[in-house]
Amino acid sequence: MSDREAYWKANIRLVAGCLVVWFIVSFGFGIILVEQLNSISLGGYKLGFWFAQQGSIYTFVFLIFFYAWRMNKLDRKFNVHED
């Protein structure tokens, strides 16, 4: 496999992993498991409600920074980074 193909495969794997985490947090915790999570309280709010309203947004922002950090490492590994 060429470096270009390996770089692209690693990039797609990273994107897919981030999307899976985001899907689990936003759809899974915010919609599917909301009733079970509502039995737990976080700062006076039901946890299911918190995930639906705030948790998925915080997770998305975290994933943006995580993706940028991992892509910088990946760029350096394959010597395609910007100086």
PDB file of N, CA and C in Angstrom:
ATOM      1  N   MET A   1       0.847  -1.175   0.000  1.00  0.00           N
ATOM      2  CA  MET A   1       0.000   0.000   0.000  1.00  0.00           C
ATOM      3  C   MET A   1       0.897   1.243   0.000  1.00  0.00           C
ATOM      4  N   SER A   2       0.556   2.203  -0.817  1.00  0.00           N
ATOM      5  CA  SER A   2       1.355   3.418  -0.892  1.00  0.00           C
ATOM      6  C   SER A   2       1.076   4.306   0.318  1.00  0.00           C
ATOM      7  N   ASP A   3       1.977   5.268   0.533  1.00  0.00           N
ATOM      8  CA  ASP A   3       1.788   6.204   1.649  1.00  0.00           C
ATOM      9  C   ASP A   3       0.503   7.003   1.501  1.00  0.00           C
ATOM     10  N   ARG A   4       0.180   7.347   0.267  1.00  0.00           N
ATOM     11  CA  ARG A   4      -1.037   8.124   0.014  1.00  0.00           C
ATOM     12  C   ARG A   4      -2.285   7.327   0.412  1.00  0.00           C
ATOM     13  N   GLU A   5      -2.310   6.049   0.059  1.00  0.00           N
ATOM     14  CA  GLU A   5      -3.442   5.204   0.411  1.00  0.00           C
ATOM     15  C   GLU A   5      -3.515   4.967   1.919  1.00  0.00           C
ATOM     16  N   ALA A   6      -2.369   4.769   2.553  1.00  0.00           N
ATOM     17  CA  ALA A   6      -2.331   4.559   4.003  1.00  0.00           C
ATOM     18  C   ALA A   6      -2.798   5.813   4.743  1.00  0.00           C
ATOM     19  N   TYR A   7      -2.376   6.975   4.255  1.00  0.00           N
ATOM     20  CA  TYR A   7      -2.795   8.244   4.862  1.00  0.00           C
ATOM     21  C   TYR A   7      -4.305   8.411   4.748  1.00  0.00           C
ATOM     22  N   TRP A   8      -4.841   8.152   3.562  1.00  0.00           N
ATOM     23  CA  TRP A   8      -6.282   8.294   3.335  1.00  0.00           C
ATOM     24  C   TRP A   8      -7.065   7.304   4.197  1.00  0.00           C
ATOM     25  N   LYS A   9      -6.579   6.066   4.290  1.00  0.00           N
ATOM     26  CA  LYS A   9      -7.258   5.059   5.100  1.00  0.00           C
ATOM     27  C   LYS A   9      -7.265   5.455   6.574  1.00  0.00           C
ATOM     28  N   ALA A  10      -6.142   5.971   7.072  1.00  0.00           N
ATOM     29  CA  ALA A  10      -6.072   6.419   8.462  1.00  0.00           C
ATOM     30  C   ALA A  10      -7.001   7.608   8.701  1.00  0.00           C
ATOM     31  N   ASN A  11      -7.080   8.506   7.742  1.00  0.00           N
ATOM     32  CA  ASN A  11      -7.962   9.665   7.845  1.00  0.00           C
ATOM     33  C   ASN A  11      -9.422   9.226   7.896  1.00  0.00           C
ATOM     34  N   ILE A  12      -9.814   8.330   7.019  1.00  0.00           N
ATOM     35  CA  ILE A  12     -11.195   7.850   6.994  1.00  0.00           C
ATOM     36  C   ILE A  12     -11.528   7.104   8.279  1.00  0.00           C
ATOM     37  N   ARG A  13     -10.584   6.323   8.804  1.00  0.00           N
ATOM     38  CA  ARG A  13     -10.805   5.611  10.058  1.00  0.00           C
ATOM     39  C   ARG A  13     -11.033   6.600  11.201  1.00  0.00           C
ATOM     40  N   LEU A  14     -10.264   7.685  11.220  1.00  0.00           N
ATOM     41  CA  LEU A  14     -10.421   8.709  12.255  1.00  0.00           C
ATOM     42  C   LEU A  14     -11.783   9.396  12.139  1.00  0.00           C
ATOM     43  N   VAL A  15     -12.178   9.759  10.940  1.00  0.00           N
ATOM     44  CA  VAL A  15     -13.480  10.402  10.721  1.00  0.00           C
ATOM     45  C   VAL A  15     -14.609   9.465  11.129  1.00  0.00           C
ATOM     46  N   ALA A  16     -14.513   8.203  10.734  1.00  0.00           N
ATOM     47  CA  ALA A  16     -15.558   7.236  11.084  1.00  0.00           C
ATOM     48  C   ALA A  16     -15.656   7.062  12.596  1.00  0.00           C
ATOM     49  N   GLY A  17     -14.521   7.004  13.277  1.00  0.00           N
ATOM     50  CA  GLY A  17     -14.534   6.874  14.732  1.00  0.00           C
ATOM     51  C   GLY A  17     -15.183   8.070  15.402  1.00  0.00           C
ATOM     52  N   CYS A  18     -14.865   9.259  14.929  1.00  0.00           N
ATOM     53  CA  CYS A  18     -15.470  10.473  15.490  1.00  0.00           C
ATOM     54  C   CYS A  18     -16.977  10.494  15.247  1.00  0.00           C
ATOM     55  N   LEU A  19     -17.401  10.088  14.053  1.00  0.00           N
ATOM     56  CA  LEU A  19     -18.834  10.060  13.758  1.00  0.00           C
ATOM     57  C   LEU A  19     -19.572   9.036  14.603  1.00  0.00           C
ATOM     58  N   VAL A  20     -18.951   7.902  14.863  1.00  0.00           N
ATOM     59  CA  VAL A  20     -19.580   6.880  15.709  1.00  0.00           C
ATOM     60  C   VAL A  20     -19.771   7.416  17.128  1.00  0.00           C
ATOM     61  N   VAL A  21     -18.735   8.056  17.671  1.00  0.00           N
ATOM     62  CA  VAL A  21     -18.848   8.630  19.026  1.00  0.00           C
ATOM     63  C   VAL A  21     -19.946   9.678  19.058  1.00  0.00           C
ATOM     64  N   TRP A  22     -19.972  10.561  18.072  1.00  0.00           N
ATOM     65  CA  TRP A  22     -20.983  11.614  18.033  1.00  0.00           C
ATOM     66  C   TRP A  22     -22.388  11.019  17.902  1.00  0.00           C
ATOM     67  N   PHE A  23     -22.548   9.989  17.089  1.00  0.00           N
ATOM     68  CA  PHE A  23     -23.845   9.343  16.918  1.00  0.00           C
ATOM     69  C   PHE A  23     -24.308   8.712  18.229  1.00  0.00           C
ATOM     70  N   ILE A  24     -23.410   8.013  18.900  1.00  0.00           N
ATOM     71  CA  ILE A  24     -23.775   7.364  20.155  1.00  0.00           C
ATOM     72  C   ILE A  24     -24.214   8.391  21.192  1.00  0.00           C
ATOM     73  N   VAL A  25     -23.469   9.486  21.294  1.00  0.00           N
ATOM     74  CA  VAL A  25     -23.801  10.501  22.301  1.00  0.00           C
ATOM     75  C   VAL A  25     -25.079  11.246  21.933  1.00  0.00           C
ATOM     76  N   SER A  26     -25.203  11.694  20.689  1.00  0.00           N
ATOM     77  CA  SER A  26     -26.366  12.513  20.333  1.00  0.00           C
ATOM     78  C   SER A  26     -27.628  11.668  20.123  1.00  0.00           C
ATOM     79  N   PHE A  27     -27.544  10.624  19.327  1.00  0.00           N
ATOM     80  CA  PHE A  27     -28.732   9.817  19.045  1.00  0.00           C
ATOM     81  C   PHE A  27     -28.986   8.792  20.136  1.00  0.00           C
ATOM     82  N   GLY A  28     -27.943   8.087  20.547  1.00  0.00           N
ATOM     83  CA  GLY A  28     -28.102   7.039  21.552  1.00  0.00           C
ATOM     84  C   GLY A  28     -28.486   7.576  22.910  1.00  0.00           C
ATOM     85  N   PHE A  29     -27.666   8.501  23.443  1.00  0.00           N
ATOM     86  CA  PHE A  29     -27.932   9.037  24.784  1.00  0.00           C
ATOM     87  C   PHE A  29     -29.045  10.069  24.774  1.00  0.00           C
ATOM     88  N   GLY A  30     -29.146  10.851  23.716  1.00  0.00           N
ATOM     89  CA  GLY A  30     -30.133  11.933  23.677  1.00  0.00           C
ATOM     90  C   GLY A  30     -31.519  11.517  23.261  1.00  0.00           C
ATOM     91  N   ILE A  31     -31.656  10.371  22.564  1.00  0.00           N
ATOM     92  CA  ILE A  31     -32.970   9.962  22.073  1.00  0.00           C
ATOM     93  C   ILE A  31     -33.336   8.558  22.546  1.00  0.00           C
ATOM     94  N   ILE A  32     -32.492   7.587  22.247  1.00  0.00           N
ATOM     95  CA  ILE A  32     -32.841   6.195  22.528  1.00  0.00           C
ATOM     96  C   ILE A  32     -32.817   5.884  24.031  1.00  0.00           C
ATOM     97  N   LEU A  33     -31.765   6.282  24.722  1.00  0.00           N
ATOM     98  CA  LEU A  33     -31.607   5.951  26.138  1.00  0.00           C
ATOM     99  C   LEU A  33     -32.046   7.069  27.077  1.00  0.00           C
ATOM    100  N   VAL A  34     -32.827   8.014  26.571  1.00  0.00           N
ATOM    101  CA  VAL A  34     -33.194   9.179  27.369  1.00  0.00           C
ATOM    102  C   VAL A  34     -33.985   8.794  28.617  1.00  0.00           C
ATOM    103  N   GLU A  35     -34.877   7.848  28.516  1.00  0.00           N
ATOM    104  CA  GLU A  35     -35.694   7.467  29.676  1.00  0.00           C
ATOM    105  C   GLU A  35     -34.837   6.852  30.783  1.00  0.00           C
ATOM    106  N   GLN A  36     -33.901   5.993  30.414  1.00  0.00           N
ATOM    107  CA  GLN A  36     -33.032   5.377  31.415  1.00  0.00           C
ATOM    108  C   GLN A  36     -32.100   6.421  32.043  1.00  0.00           C
ATOM    109  N   LEU A  37     -31.593   7.341  31.233  1.00  0.00           N
ATOM    110  CA  LEU A  37     -30.686   8.362  31.743  1.00  0.00           C
ATOM    111  C   LEU A  37     -31.400   9.411  32.580  1.00  0.00           C
ATOM    112  N   ASN A  38     -32.694   9.595  32.361  1.00  0.00           N
ATOM    113  CA  ASN A  38     -33.446  10.586  33.137  1.00  0.00           C
ATOM    114  C   ASN A  38     -33.577  10.213  34.606  1.00  0.00           C
ATOM    115  N   SER A  39     -33.291   8.979  34.952  1.00  0.00           N
ATOM    116  CA  SER A  39     -33.336   8.583  36.363  1.00  0.00           C
ATOM    117  C   SER A  39     -32.116   9.113  37.123  1.00  0.00           C
ATOM    118  N   ILE A  40     -31.129   9.642  36.398  1.00  0.00           N
ATOM    119  CA  ILE A  40     -29.925  10.215  37.003  1.00  0.00           C
ATOM    120  C   ILE A  40     -29.999  11.733  36.859  1.00  0.00           C
ATOM    121  N   SER A  41     -29.612  12.439  37.908  1.00  0.00           N
ATOM    122  CA  SER A  41     -29.659  13.899  37.890  1.00  0.00           C
ATOM    123  C   SER A  41     -28.249  14.474  37.797  1.00  0.00           C
ATOM    124  N   LEU A  42     -28.104  15.531  37.017  1.00  0.00           N
ATOM    125  CA  LEU A  42     -26.813  16.217  36.852  1.00  0.00           C
ATOM    126  C   LEU A  42     -27.053  17.713  36.998  1.00  0.00           C
ATOM    127  N   GLY A  43     -26.625  18.270  38.111  1.00  0.00           N
ATOM    128  CA  GLY A  43     -26.800  19.696  38.342  1.00  0.00           C
ATOM    129  C   GLY A  43     -28.259  20.122  38.390  1.00  0.00           C
ATOM    130  N   GLY A  44     -29.122  19.261  38.869  1.00  0.00           N
ATOM    131  CA  GLY A  44     -30.541  19.593  38.954  1.00  0.00           C
ATOM    132  C   GLY A  44     -31.324  19.251  37.709  1.00  0.00           C
ATOM    133  N   TYR A  45     -30.662  18.790  36.663  1.00  0.00           N
ATOM    134  CA  TYR A  45     -31.342  18.420  35.421  1.00  0.00           C
ATOM    135  C   TYR A  45     -31.245  16.917  35.228  1.00  0.00           C
ATOM    136  N   LYS A  46     -32.228  16.366  34.566  1.00  0.00           N
ATOM    137  CA  LYS A  46     -32.191  14.950  34.242  1.00  0.00           C
ATOM    138  C   LYS A  46     -31.083  14.719  33.216  1.00  0.00           C
ATOM    139  N   LEU A  47     -30.331  13.639  33.389  1.00  0.00           N
ATOM    140  CA  LEU A  47     -29.164  13.379  32.533  1.00  0.00           C
ATOM    141  C   LEU A  47     -29.541  13.187  31.072  1.00  0.00           C
ATOM    142  N   GLY A  48     -30.669  12.535  30.807  1.00  0.00           N
ATOM    143  CA  GLY A  48     -31.119  12.368  29.426  1.00  0.00           C
ATOM    144  C   GLY A  48     -31.406  13.700  28.759  1.00  0.00           C
ATOM    145  N   PHE A  49     -32.064  14.587  29.484  1.00  0.00           N
ATOM    146  CA  PHE A  49     -32.335  15.936  28.971  1.00  0.00           C
ATOM    147  C   PHE A  49     -31.031  16.678  28.720  1.00  0.00           C
ATOM    148  N   TRP A  50     -30.075  16.543  29.662  1.00  0.00           N
ATOM    149  CA  TRP A  50     -28.789  17.233  29.515  1.00  0.00           C
ATOM    150  C   TRP A  50     -28.061  16.757  28.267  1.00  0.00           C
ATOM    151  N   PHE A  51     -28.036  15.444  28.031  1.00  0.00           N
ATOM    152  CA  PHE A  51     -27.369  14.934  26.830  1.00  0.00           C
ATOM    153  C   PHE A  51     -28.056  15.440  25.571  1.00  0.00           C
ATOM    154  N   ALA A  52     -29.367  15.481  25.571  1.00  0.00           N
ATOM    155  CA  ALA A  52     -30.099  15.938  24.393  1.00  0.00           C
ATOM    156  C   ALA A  52     -29.852  17.418  24.127  1.00  0.00           C
ATOM    157  N   GLN A  53     -29.730  18.220  25.175  1.00  0.00           N
ATOM    158  CA  GLN A  53     -29.602  19.659  25.005  1.00  0.00           C
ATOM    159  C   GLN A  53     -28.155  20.162  24.977  1.00  0.00           C
ATOM    160  N   GLN A  54     -27.297  19.630  25.832  1.00  0.00           N
ATOM    161  CA  GLN A  54     -25.949  20.156  25.970  1.00  0.00           C
ATOM    162  C   GLN A  54     -24.851  19.128  25.679  1.00  0.00           C
ATOM    163  N   GLY A  55     -25.052  17.907  26.119  1.00  0.00           N
ATOM    164  CA  GLY A  55     -24.001  16.891  26.033  1.00  0.00           C
ATOM    165  C   GLY A  55     -23.531  16.624  24.623  1.00  0.00           C
ATOM    166  N   SER A  56     -24.459  16.547  23.682  1.00  0.00           N
ATOM    167  CA  SER A  56     -24.058  16.278  22.299  1.00  0.00           C
ATOM    168  C   SER A  56     -23.277  17.458  21.716  1.00  0.00           C
ATOM    169  N   ILE A  57     -23.622  18.668  22.117  1.00  0.00           N
ATOM    170  CA  ILE A  57     -22.894  19.846  21.631  1.00  0.00           C
ATOM    171  C   ILE A  57     -21.483  19.869  22.203  1.00  0.00           C
ATOM    172  N   TYR A  58     -21.338  19.613  23.509  1.00  0.00           N
ATOM    173  CA  TYR A  58     -20.013  19.560  24.124  1.00  0.00           C
ATOM    174  C   TYR A  58     -19.165  18.456  23.507  1.00  0.00           C
ATOM    175  N   THR A  59     -19.786  17.326  23.251  1.00  0.00           N
ATOM    176  CA  THR A  59     -19.059  16.219  22.629  1.00  0.00           C
ATOM    177  C   THR A  59     -18.608  16.603  21.233  1.00  0.00           C
ATOM    178  N   PHE A  60     -19.455  17.275  20.461  1.00  0.00           N
ATOM    179  CA  PHE A  60     -19.097  17.700  19.116  1.00  0.00           C
ATOM    180  C   PHE A  60     -17.913  18.669  19.150  1.00  0.00           C
ATOM    181  N   VAL A  61     -17.924  19.621  20.059  1.00  0.00           N
ATOM    182  CA  VAL A  61     -16.815  20.577  20.172  1.00  0.00           C
ATOM    183  C   VAL A  61     -15.530  19.850  20.568  1.00  0.00           C
ATOM    184  N   PHE A  62     -15.635  18.911  21.519  1.00  0.00           N
ATOM    185  CA  PHE A  62     -14.474  18.106  21.899  1.00  0.00           C
ATOM    186  C   PHE A  62     -13.937  17.329  20.699  1.00  0.00           C
ATOM    187  N   LEU A  63     -14.832  16.737  19.899  1.00  0.00           N
ATOM    188  CA  LEU A  63     -14.403  15.963  18.738  1.00  0.00           C
ATOM    189  C   LEU A  63     -13.705  16.821  17.691  1.00  0.00           C
ATOM    190  N   ILE A  64     -14.103  18.071  17.569  1.00  0.00           N
ATOM    191  CA  ILE A  64     -13.424  18.977  16.634  1.00  0.00           C
ATOM    192  C   ILE A  64     -11.963  19.145  17.043  1.00  0.00           C
ATOM    193  N   PHE A  65     -11.718  19.416  18.325  1.00  0.00           N
ATOM    194  CA  PHE A  65     -10.348  19.587  18.797  1.00  0.00           C
ATOM    195  C   PHE A  65      -9.576  18.273  18.741  1.00  0.00           C
ATOM    196  N   PHE A  66     -10.229  17.168  19.084  1.00  0.00           N
ATOM    197  CA  PHE A  66      -9.586  15.862  19.011  1.00  0.00           C
ATOM    198  C   PHE A  66      -9.184  15.536  17.578  1.00  0.00           C
ATOM    199  N   TYR A  67     -10.084  15.793  16.621  1.00  0.00           N
ATOM    200  CA  TYR A  67      -9.796  15.520  15.213  1.00  0.00           C
ATOM    201  C   TYR A  67      -8.617  16.361  14.732  1.00  0.00           C
ATOM    202  N   ALA A  68      -8.594  17.624  15.074  1.00  0.00           N
ATOM    203  CA  ALA A  68      -7.483  18.499  14.658  1.00  0.00           C
ATOM    204  C   ALA A  68      -6.163  18.010  15.244  1.00  0.00           C
ATOM    205  N   TRP A  69      -6.173  17.623  16.516  1.00  0.00           N
ATOM    206  CA  TRP A  69      -4.960  17.128  17.170  1.00  0.00           C
ATOM    207  C   TRP A  69      -4.457  15.842  16.504  1.00  0.00           C
ATOM    208  N   ARG A  70      -5.391  14.892  16.274  1.00  0.00           N
ATOM    209  CA  ARG A  70      -4.998  13.621  15.651  1.00  0.00           C
ATOM    210  C   ARG A  70      -4.555  13.806  14.203  1.00  0.00           C
ATOM    211  N   MET A  71      -5.186  14.707  13.473  1.00  0.00           N
ATOM    212  CA  MET A  71      -4.777  14.947  12.089  1.00  0.00           C
ATOM    213  C   MET A  71      -3.395  15.579  12.030  1.00  0.00           C
ATOM    214  N   ASN A  72      -3.076  16.447  12.981  1.00  0.00           N
ATOM    215  CA  ASN A  72      -1.723  17.012  13.022  1.00  0.00           C
ATOM    216  C   ASN A  72      -0.693  15.909  13.227  1.00  0.00           C
ATOM    217  N   LYS A  73      -0.988  14.965  14.133  1.00  0.00           N
ATOM    218  CA  LYS A  73      -0.078  13.839  14.353  1.00  0.00           C
ATOM    219  C   LYS A  73       0.009  12.965  13.098  1.00  0.00           C
ATOM    220  N   LEU A  74      -1.125  12.737  12.450  1.00  0.00           N
ATOM    221  CA  LEU A  74      -1.149  11.927  11.236  1.00  0.00           C
ATOM    222  C   LEU A  74      -0.385  12.612  10.101  1.00  0.00           C
ATOM    223  N   ASP A  75      -0.545  13.918   9.972  1.00  0.00           N
ATOM    224  CA  ASP A  75       0.180  14.671   8.953  1.00  0.00           C
ATOM    225  C   ASP A  75       1.689  14.571   9.157  1.00  0.00           C
ATOM    226  N   ARG A  76       2.127  14.666  10.394  1.00  0.00           N
ATOM    227  CA  ARG A  76       3.555  14.544  10.675  1.00  0.00           C
ATOM    228  C   ARG A  76       4.060  13.129  10.389  1.00  0.00           C
ATOM    229  N   LYS A  77       3.259  12.143  10.720  1.00  0.00           N
ATOM    230  CA  LYS A  77       3.646  10.752  10.485  1.00  0.00           C
ATOM    231  C   LYS A  77       3.868  10.482   8.998  1.00  0.00           C
ATOM    232  N   PHE A  78       3.010  11.035   8.149  1.00  0.00           N
ATOM    233  CA  PHE A  78       3.111  10.818   6.714  1.00  0.00           C
ATOM    234  C   PHE A  78       3.833  11.967   5.992  1.00  0.00           C
ATOM    235  N   ASN A  79       4.411  12.881   6.762  1.00  0.00           N
ATOM    236  CA  ASN A  79       5.210  13.993   6.242  1.00  0.00           C
ATOM    237  C   ASN A  79       4.423  14.853   5.228  1.00  0.00           C
ATOM    238  N   VAL A  80       3.191  15.197   5.587  1.00  0.00           N
ATOM    239  CA  VAL A  80       2.391  16.099   4.773  1.00  0.00           C
ATOM    240  C   VAL A  80       1.958  17.326   5.571  1.00  0.00           C
ATOM    241  N   HIS A  81       2.649  17.571   6.686  1.00  0.00           N
ATOM    242  CA  HIS A  81       2.263  18.670   7.564  1.00  0.00           C
ATOM    243  C   HIS A  81       2.696  20.010   6.973  1.00  0.00           C
ATOM    244  N   GLU A  82       2.042  21.066   7.457  1.00  0.00           N
ATOM    245  CA  GLU A  82       2.366  22.420   7.038  1.00  0.00           C
ATOM    246  C   GLU A  82       3.360  23.008   8.031  1.00  0.00           C
ATOM    247  N   ASP A  83       4.253  23.796   7.532  1.00  0.00           N
ATOM    248  CA  ASP A  83       5.233  24.448   8.425  1.00  0.00           C
ATOM    249  C   ASP A  83       4.796  25.823   8.809  1.00  0.00           C
TER     250      ASP A  83
END
